[in-house]
Amino acid sequence: MKFYSRKLIKPGDLNASNTLFGGALLRWIDEEAGIYAMTKLDTKKVVTKFISEIDFVNSAKQGDVIEIGLEFKSIGITSITFSCMVRNVFNQKVIISIDKLVFVKIDEQERPQAHGKTIDNLGFEIALNS
């Protein structure tokens, strides 16, 4: 898993229990994974299709720094799928894990569109397991 971005937990990111609000974290994950899908599919026209079960493992508090990691899982005709893990930068505790985030390339009418990518032309530097 590669970690792509970091976020500082600020007062506006907290819930009533003074821990990181899950909605804020999911927004960051969706944005980061969407950008990653755009770069891999060479298009700005992608949408979130599916996010699997979300496992909140540990909480984050104000002042913590977290990092968002993504890992390629599979490629479809119109879609690309990643897994995600968010962890605390300093103590390495996992904050959240998501098994599947699926993004789909769309056309001008917002219908799924073939992206023409394969595992071979996605540009990953690591060996992929099928």
N, C-alpha and C. Protein backbone atom coordinates (compact mmCIF):
# COMPACT_ATOMS: atom_id res chain seq x y z
N MET A 1 0.85 -1.18 0.00
CA MET A 1 0.00 0.00 0.00
C MET A 1 0.90 1.23 0.00
N LYS A 2 0.55 2.19 -0.86
CA LYS A 2 1.28 3.45 -0.92
C LYS A 2 0.43 4.53 -0.26
N PHE A 3 1.08 5.37 0.51
CA PHE A 3 0.39 6.45 1.20
C PHE A 3 0.63 7.74 0.44
N TYR A 4 -0.48 8.38 0.05
CA TYR A 4 -0.42 9.48 -0.90
C TYR A 4 -0.59 10.87 -0.29
N SER A 5 -1.35 11.00 0.76
CA SER A 5 -1.54 12.34 1.32
C SER A 5 -1.67 12.28 2.83
N ARG A 6 -1.45 13.41 3.44
CA ARG A 6 -1.54 13.53 4.89
C ARG A 6 -2.48 14.66 5.25
N LYS A 7 -3.13 14.51 6.38
CA LYS A 7 -4.05 15.52 6.88
C LYS A 7 -3.78 15.74 8.36
N LEU A 8 -3.81 17.02 8.76
CA LEU A 8 -3.72 17.40 10.16
C LEU A 8 -5.14 17.49 10.69
N ILE A 9 -5.43 16.83 11.80
CA ILE A 9 -6.77 16.87 12.38
C ILE A 9 -6.92 18.18 13.15
N LYS A 10 -7.89 19.01 12.72
CA LYS A 10 -8.11 20.33 13.28
C LYS A 10 -9.45 20.36 14.01
N PRO A 11 -9.71 21.40 14.81
CA PRO A 11 -10.96 21.47 15.57
C PRO A 11 -12.23 21.29 14.72
N GLY A 12 -12.25 21.84 13.52
CA GLY A 12 -13.42 21.71 12.66
C GLY A 12 -13.66 20.31 12.12
N ASP A 13 -12.70 19.39 12.32
CA ASP A 13 -12.81 18.01 11.84
C ASP A 13 -13.37 17.07 12.90
N LEU A 14 -13.67 17.60 14.09
CA LEU A 14 -14.04 16.75 15.23
C LEU A 14 -15.55 16.58 15.37
N ASN A 15 -15.93 15.45 15.97
CA ASN A 15 -17.33 15.19 16.28
C ASN A 15 -17.62 15.59 17.73
N ALA A 16 -18.79 15.25 18.23
CA ALA A 16 -19.19 15.63 19.60
C ALA A 16 -18.33 14.95 20.66
N SER A 17 -17.65 13.88 20.31
CA SER A 17 -16.77 13.18 21.25
C SER A 17 -15.32 13.66 21.16
N ASN A 18 -15.10 14.74 20.39
CA ASN A 18 -13.76 15.30 20.18
C ASN A 18 -12.78 14.34 19.53
N THR A 19 -13.32 13.48 18.68
CA THR A 19 -12.48 12.64 17.83
C THR A 19 -12.84 12.96 16.38
N LEU A 20 -12.02 12.48 15.47
CA LEU A 20 -12.23 12.77 14.05
C LEU A 20 -13.62 12.33 13.60
N PHE A 21 -14.36 13.24 12.99
CA PHE A 21 -15.68 12.97 12.44
C PHE A 21 -15.53 12.04 11.24
N GLY A 22 -16.25 10.92 11.27
CA GLY A 22 -16.14 9.94 10.20
C GLY A 22 -16.48 10.49 8.83
N GLY A 23 -17.44 11.40 8.77
CA GLY A 23 -17.82 11.99 7.49
C GLY A 23 -16.70 12.79 6.86
N ALA A 24 -15.94 13.51 7.68
CA ALA A 24 -14.79 14.27 7.16
C ALA A 24 -13.75 13.31 6.60
N LEU A 25 -13.49 12.24 7.32
CA LEU A 25 -12.50 11.27 6.86
C LEU A 25 -12.94 10.61 5.56
N LEU A 26 -14.22 10.24 5.46
CA LEU A 26 -14.71 9.62 4.23
C LEU A 26 -14.65 10.59 3.05
N ARG A 27 -14.89 11.87 3.29
CA ARG A 27 -14.78 12.87 2.22
C ARG A 27 -13.34 12.92 1.71
N TRP A 28 -12.37 12.92 2.64
CA TRP A 28 -10.96 12.96 2.24
C TRP A 28 -10.58 11.71 1.45
N ILE A 29 -11.04 10.55 1.91
CA ILE A 29 -10.74 9.30 1.22
C ILE A 29 -11.33 9.30 -0.18
N ASP A 30 -12.60 9.70 -0.30
CA ASP A 30 -13.26 9.72 -1.60
C ASP A 30 -12.54 10.66 -2.56
N GLU A 31 -12.13 11.81 -2.06
CA GLU A 31 -11.41 12.76 -2.90
C GLU A 31 -10.06 12.19 -3.34
N GLU A 32 -9.31 11.65 -2.41
CA GLU A 32 -7.98 11.11 -2.72
C GLU A 32 -8.08 9.95 -3.71
N ALA A 33 -9.01 9.03 -3.45
CA ALA A 33 -9.17 7.87 -4.34
C ALA A 33 -9.70 8.30 -5.71
N GLY A 34 -10.57 9.30 -5.74
CA GLY A 34 -11.08 9.81 -7.02
C GLY A 34 -9.97 10.42 -7.86
N ILE A 35 -9.11 11.20 -7.22
CA ILE A 35 -7.97 11.79 -7.93
C ILE A 35 -7.05 10.68 -8.46
N TYR A 36 -6.82 9.67 -7.64
CA TYR A 36 -5.97 8.56 -8.05
C TYR A 36 -6.58 7.84 -9.26
N ALA A 37 -7.91 7.62 -9.22
CA ALA A 37 -8.59 6.99 -10.35
C ALA A 37 -8.45 7.85 -11.60
N MET A 38 -8.60 9.17 -11.46
CA MET A 38 -8.45 10.07 -12.61
C MET A 38 -7.06 9.94 -13.24
N THR A 39 -6.04 9.88 -12.40
CA THR A 39 -4.67 9.81 -12.93
C THR A 39 -4.40 8.47 -13.59
N LYS A 40 -4.96 7.41 -13.06
CA LYS A 40 -4.73 6.09 -13.65
C LYS A 40 -5.54 5.87 -14.92
N LEU A 41 -6.72 6.49 -15.00
CA LEU A 41 -7.57 6.31 -16.18
C LEU A 41 -7.43 7.46 -17.18
N ASP A 42 -6.57 8.42 -16.88
CA ASP A 42 -6.32 9.57 -17.77
C ASP A 42 -7.59 10.34 -18.14
N THR A 43 -8.43 10.59 -17.14
CA THR A 43 -9.66 11.34 -17.38
C THR A 43 -10.13 12.01 -16.09
N LYS A 44 -10.81 13.14 -16.24
CA LYS A 44 -11.43 13.80 -15.08
C LYS A 44 -12.84 13.27 -14.85
N LYS A 45 -13.35 12.51 -15.80
CA LYS A 45 -14.74 12.05 -15.76
C LYS A 45 -14.87 10.70 -15.07
N VAL A 46 -14.70 10.69 -13.75
CA VAL A 46 -14.91 9.48 -12.96
C VAL A 46 -15.86 9.80 -11.81
N VAL A 47 -16.61 8.79 -11.42
CA VAL A 47 -17.51 8.93 -10.28
C VAL A 47 -17.32 7.74 -9.35
N THR A 48 -17.65 7.96 -8.09
CA THR A 48 -17.62 6.87 -7.11
C THR A 48 -18.83 5.98 -7.37
N LYS A 49 -18.58 4.70 -7.57
CA LYS A 49 -19.65 3.74 -7.82
C LYS A 49 -20.01 2.97 -6.56
N PHE A 50 -18.99 2.61 -5.78
CA PHE A 50 -19.23 1.72 -4.64
C PHE A 50 -18.12 1.89 -3.61
N ILE A 51 -18.51 1.87 -2.35
CA ILE A 51 -17.56 1.81 -1.24
C ILE A 51 -18.05 0.68 -0.34
N SER A 52 -17.19 -0.30 -0.11
CA SER A 52 -17.57 -1.47 0.69
C SER A 52 -17.65 -1.11 2.17
N GLU A 53 -17.84 -2.12 2.97
CA GLU A 53 -17.89 -1.94 4.42
C GLU A 53 -16.69 -1.15 4.90
N ILE A 54 -16.96 -0.23 5.80
CA ILE A 54 -15.94 0.65 6.35
C ILE A 54 -15.66 0.20 7.77
N ASP A 55 -14.41 -0.08 8.07
CA ASP A 55 -14.04 -0.55 9.41
C ASP A 55 -13.28 0.54 10.15
N PHE A 56 -13.96 1.19 11.10
CA PHE A 56 -13.31 2.19 11.95
C PHE A 56 -12.59 1.42 13.06
N VAL A 57 -11.26 1.42 13.02
CA VAL A 57 -10.45 0.62 13.92
C VAL A 57 -10.03 1.41 15.16
N ASN A 58 -9.51 2.60 14.96
CA ASN A 58 -9.07 3.48 16.04
C ASN A 58 -9.53 4.90 15.73
N SER A 59 -9.58 5.72 16.75
CA SER A 59 -9.97 7.11 16.53
C SER A 59 -8.73 7.98 16.36
N ALA A 60 -8.97 9.17 15.82
CA ALA A 60 -7.91 10.18 15.71
C ALA A 60 -8.40 11.41 16.45
N LYS A 61 -7.48 12.14 17.02
CA LYS A 61 -7.81 13.31 17.83
C LYS A 61 -7.19 14.57 17.24
N GLN A 62 -7.64 15.71 17.73
CA GLN A 62 -7.08 16.98 17.29
C GLN A 62 -5.57 16.97 17.44
N GLY A 63 -4.88 17.43 16.42
CA GLY A 63 -3.41 17.47 16.44
C GLY A 63 -2.76 16.25 15.83
N ASP A 64 -3.51 15.15 15.68
CA ASP A 64 -2.96 13.96 15.03
C ASP A 64 -2.75 14.25 13.54
N VAL A 65 -1.80 13.57 12.96
CA VAL A 65 -1.58 13.62 11.52
C VAL A 65 -1.87 12.22 11.00
N ILE A 66 -2.74 12.15 10.00
CA ILE A 66 -3.08 10.87 9.41
C ILE A 66 -2.61 10.83 7.97
N GLU A 67 -2.45 9.63 7.44
CA GLU A 67 -2.09 9.47 6.04
C GLU A 67 -3.03 8.47 5.40
N ILE A 68 -3.35 8.76 4.13
CA ILE A 68 -4.30 7.96 3.37
C ILE A 68 -3.54 7.09 2.38
N GLY A 69 -3.72 5.77 2.51
CA GLY A 69 -3.06 4.83 1.62
C GLY A 69 -4.05 4.16 0.70
N LEU A 70 -3.64 3.95 -0.54
CA LEU A 70 -4.46 3.28 -1.53
C LEU A 70 -3.66 2.17 -2.20
N GLU A 71 -4.37 1.12 -2.58
CA GLU A 71 -3.73 0.02 -3.28
C GLU A 71 -4.65 -0.47 -4.39
N PHE A 72 -4.10 -0.61 -5.57
CA PHE A 72 -4.85 -1.14 -6.71
C PHE A 72 -5.32 -2.55 -6.43
N LYS A 73 -6.59 -2.84 -6.77
CA LYS A 73 -7.12 -4.20 -6.61
C LYS A 73 -7.46 -4.83 -7.96
N SER A 74 -8.20 -4.07 -8.80
CA SER A 74 -8.62 -4.67 -10.08
C SER A 74 -9.04 -3.59 -11.06
N ILE A 75 -9.15 -4.02 -12.31
CA ILE A 75 -9.58 -3.13 -13.40
C ILE A 75 -10.70 -3.83 -14.14
N GLY A 76 -11.74 -3.07 -14.48
CA GLY A 76 -12.84 -3.58 -15.28
C GLY A 76 -12.91 -2.82 -16.59
N ILE A 77 -13.95 -3.01 -17.34
CA ILE A 77 -14.10 -2.34 -18.64
C ILE A 77 -14.32 -0.84 -18.45
N THR A 78 -15.13 -0.48 -17.45
CA THR A 78 -15.41 0.94 -17.17
C THR A 78 -14.90 1.37 -15.80
N SER A 79 -14.41 0.43 -15.00
CA SER A 79 -14.11 0.71 -13.60
C SER A 79 -12.66 0.42 -13.20
N ILE A 80 -12.31 0.96 -12.05
CA ILE A 80 -11.05 0.65 -11.39
C ILE A 80 -11.35 0.55 -9.89
N THR A 81 -10.72 -0.41 -9.23
CA THR A 81 -11.00 -0.68 -7.82
C THR A 81 -9.72 -0.61 -6.99
N PHE A 82 -9.85 0.03 -5.82
CA PHE A 82 -8.75 0.17 -4.87
C PHE A 82 -9.19 -0.31 -3.50
N SER A 83 -8.22 -0.58 -2.64
CA SER A 83 -8.49 -0.71 -1.21
C SER A 83 -7.83 0.49 -0.54
N CYS A 84 -8.23 0.76 0.70
CA CYS A 84 -7.74 1.95 1.38
C CYS A 84 -7.46 1.64 2.84
N MET A 85 -6.42 2.27 3.35
CA MET A 85 -6.13 2.24 4.78
C MET A 85 -5.68 3.64 5.18
N VAL A 86 -6.19 4.10 6.30
CA VAL A 86 -5.76 5.38 6.86
C VAL A 86 -5.11 5.06 8.20
N ARG A 87 -3.95 5.66 8.43
CA ARG A 87 -3.25 5.40 9.69
C ARG A 87 -2.69 6.69 10.26
N ASN A 88 -2.42 6.64 11.54
CA ASN A 88 -1.77 7.74 12.25
C ASN A 88 -0.29 7.74 11.85
N VAL A 89 0.21 8.87 11.42
CA VAL A 89 1.59 8.97 10.94
C VAL A 89 2.59 8.62 12.04
N PHE A 90 2.32 9.05 13.26
CA PHE A 90 3.32 8.93 14.31
C PHE A 90 3.32 7.59 15.04
N ASN A 91 2.14 7.02 15.29
CA ASN A 91 2.13 5.74 16.01
C ASN A 91 1.76 4.56 15.12
N GLN A 92 1.47 4.83 13.84
CA GLN A 92 1.15 3.82 12.83
C GLN A 92 -0.14 3.04 13.11
N LYS A 93 -0.95 3.48 14.07
CA LYS A 93 -2.23 2.81 14.34
C LYS A 93 -3.18 3.05 13.16
N VAL A 94 -3.85 1.98 12.75
CA VAL A 94 -4.83 2.07 11.68
C VAL A 94 -6.06 2.79 12.22
N ILE A 95 -6.52 3.79 11.47
CA ILE A 95 -7.72 4.54 11.83
C ILE A 95 -8.94 3.91 11.15
N ILE A 96 -8.79 3.60 9.88
CA ILE A 96 -9.90 3.05 9.10
C ILE A 96 -9.34 2.15 8.00
N SER A 97 -10.12 1.13 7.64
CA SER A 97 -9.77 0.33 6.46
C SER A 97 -11.03 0.10 5.64
N ILE A 98 -10.83 0.12 4.33
CA ILE A 98 -11.92 -0.11 3.38
C ILE A 98 -11.40 -1.10 2.35
N ASP A 99 -12.12 -2.19 2.18
CA ASP A 99 -11.67 -3.24 1.26
C ASP A 99 -11.82 -2.83 -0.20
N LYS A 100 -12.92 -2.13 -0.55
CA LYS A 100 -13.15 -1.80 -1.96
C LYS A 100 -13.70 -0.39 -2.14
N LEU A 101 -13.05 0.36 -3.01
CA LEU A 101 -13.58 1.63 -3.51
C LEU A 101 -13.57 1.49 -5.03
N VAL A 102 -14.74 1.60 -5.64
CA VAL A 102 -14.86 1.41 -7.09
C VAL A 102 -15.21 2.74 -7.74
N PHE A 103 -14.45 3.09 -8.77
CA PHE A 103 -14.70 4.30 -9.55
C PHE A 103 -14.96 3.90 -10.99
N VAL A 104 -15.88 4.64 -11.64
CA VAL A 104 -16.28 4.34 -13.00
C VAL A 104 -16.05 5.57 -13.87
N LYS A 105 -15.50 5.34 -15.05
CA LYS A 105 -15.39 6.42 -16.04
C LYS A 105 -16.76 6.64 -16.65
N ILE A 106 -17.13 7.91 -16.82
CA ILE A 106 -18.44 8.23 -17.41
C ILE A 106 -18.28 9.11 -18.65
N ASP A 107 -19.32 9.10 -19.49
CA ASP A 107 -19.33 9.96 -20.67
C ASP A 107 -20.05 11.27 -20.34
N GLU A 108 -20.31 12.08 -21.35
CA GLU A 108 -20.94 13.39 -21.15
C GLU A 108 -22.37 13.27 -20.62
N GLN A 109 -23.02 12.15 -20.85
CA GLN A 109 -24.38 11.92 -20.35
C GLN A 109 -24.37 11.19 -19.01
N GLU A 110 -23.19 11.09 -18.41
CA GLU A 110 -22.98 10.44 -17.10
C GLU A 110 -23.30 8.94 -17.11
N ARG A 111 -23.08 8.31 -18.25
CA ARG A 111 -23.23 6.87 -18.38
C ARG A 111 -21.84 6.23 -18.35
N PRO A 112 -21.74 4.99 -17.83
CA PRO A 112 -20.44 4.31 -17.82
C PRO A 112 -19.86 4.25 -19.23
N GLN A 113 -18.55 4.47 -19.31
CA GLN A 113 -17.85 4.47 -20.59
C GLN A 113 -16.57 3.66 -20.45
N ALA A 114 -16.28 2.84 -21.43
CA ALA A 114 -15.04 2.05 -21.43
C ALA A 114 -13.84 3.00 -21.37
N HIS A 115 -12.88 2.64 -20.53
CA HIS A 115 -11.68 3.49 -20.39
C HIS A 115 -10.51 3.00 -21.22
N GLY A 116 -10.55 1.77 -21.69
CA GLY A 116 -9.49 1.25 -22.55
C GLY A 116 -8.19 0.90 -21.84
N LYS A 117 -8.21 0.87 -20.52
CA LYS A 117 -6.99 0.56 -19.76
C LYS A 117 -6.94 -0.91 -19.40
N THR A 118 -5.71 -1.40 -19.26
CA THR A 118 -5.47 -2.76 -18.77
C THR A 118 -4.43 -2.68 -17.67
N ILE A 119 -4.21 -3.77 -17.00
CA ILE A 119 -3.18 -3.80 -15.97
C ILE A 119 -1.83 -3.40 -16.56
N ASP A 120 -1.58 -3.82 -17.79
CA ASP A 120 -0.29 -3.54 -18.43
C ASP A 120 -0.06 -2.07 -18.74
N ASN A 121 -1.14 -1.29 -18.99
CA ASN A 121 -0.91 0.11 -19.35
C ASN A 121 -1.37 1.10 -18.28
N LEU A 122 -1.55 0.64 -17.04
CA LEU A 122 -1.91 1.54 -15.95
C LEU A 122 -0.71 2.26 -15.35
N GLY A 123 0.48 1.74 -15.57
CA GLY A 123 1.68 2.42 -15.10
C GLY A 123 2.03 2.14 -13.65
N PHE A 124 1.60 1.02 -13.11
CA PHE A 124 1.97 0.67 -11.73
C PHE A 124 3.40 0.18 -11.71
N GLU A 125 4.12 0.56 -10.68
CA GLU A 125 5.53 0.18 -10.54
C GLU A 125 5.70 -1.15 -9.82
N ILE A 126 4.62 -1.67 -9.23
CA ILE A 126 4.72 -2.90 -8.46
C ILE A 126 4.11 -4.06 -9.25
N ALA A 127 4.50 -5.26 -8.91
CA ALA A 127 3.90 -6.43 -9.52
C ALA A 127 2.51 -6.61 -8.94
N LEU A 128 1.54 -6.92 -9.78
CA LEU A 128 0.17 -7.06 -9.34
C LEU A 128 -0.21 -8.52 -9.32
N ASN A 129 -0.92 -8.91 -8.27
CA ASN A 129 -1.43 -10.28 -8.17
C ASN A 129 -2.85 -10.32 -8.69
N SER A 130 -3.18 -11.33 -9.46
CA SER A 130 -4.55 -11.45 -9.99
C SER A 130 -5.43 -12.21 -9.03
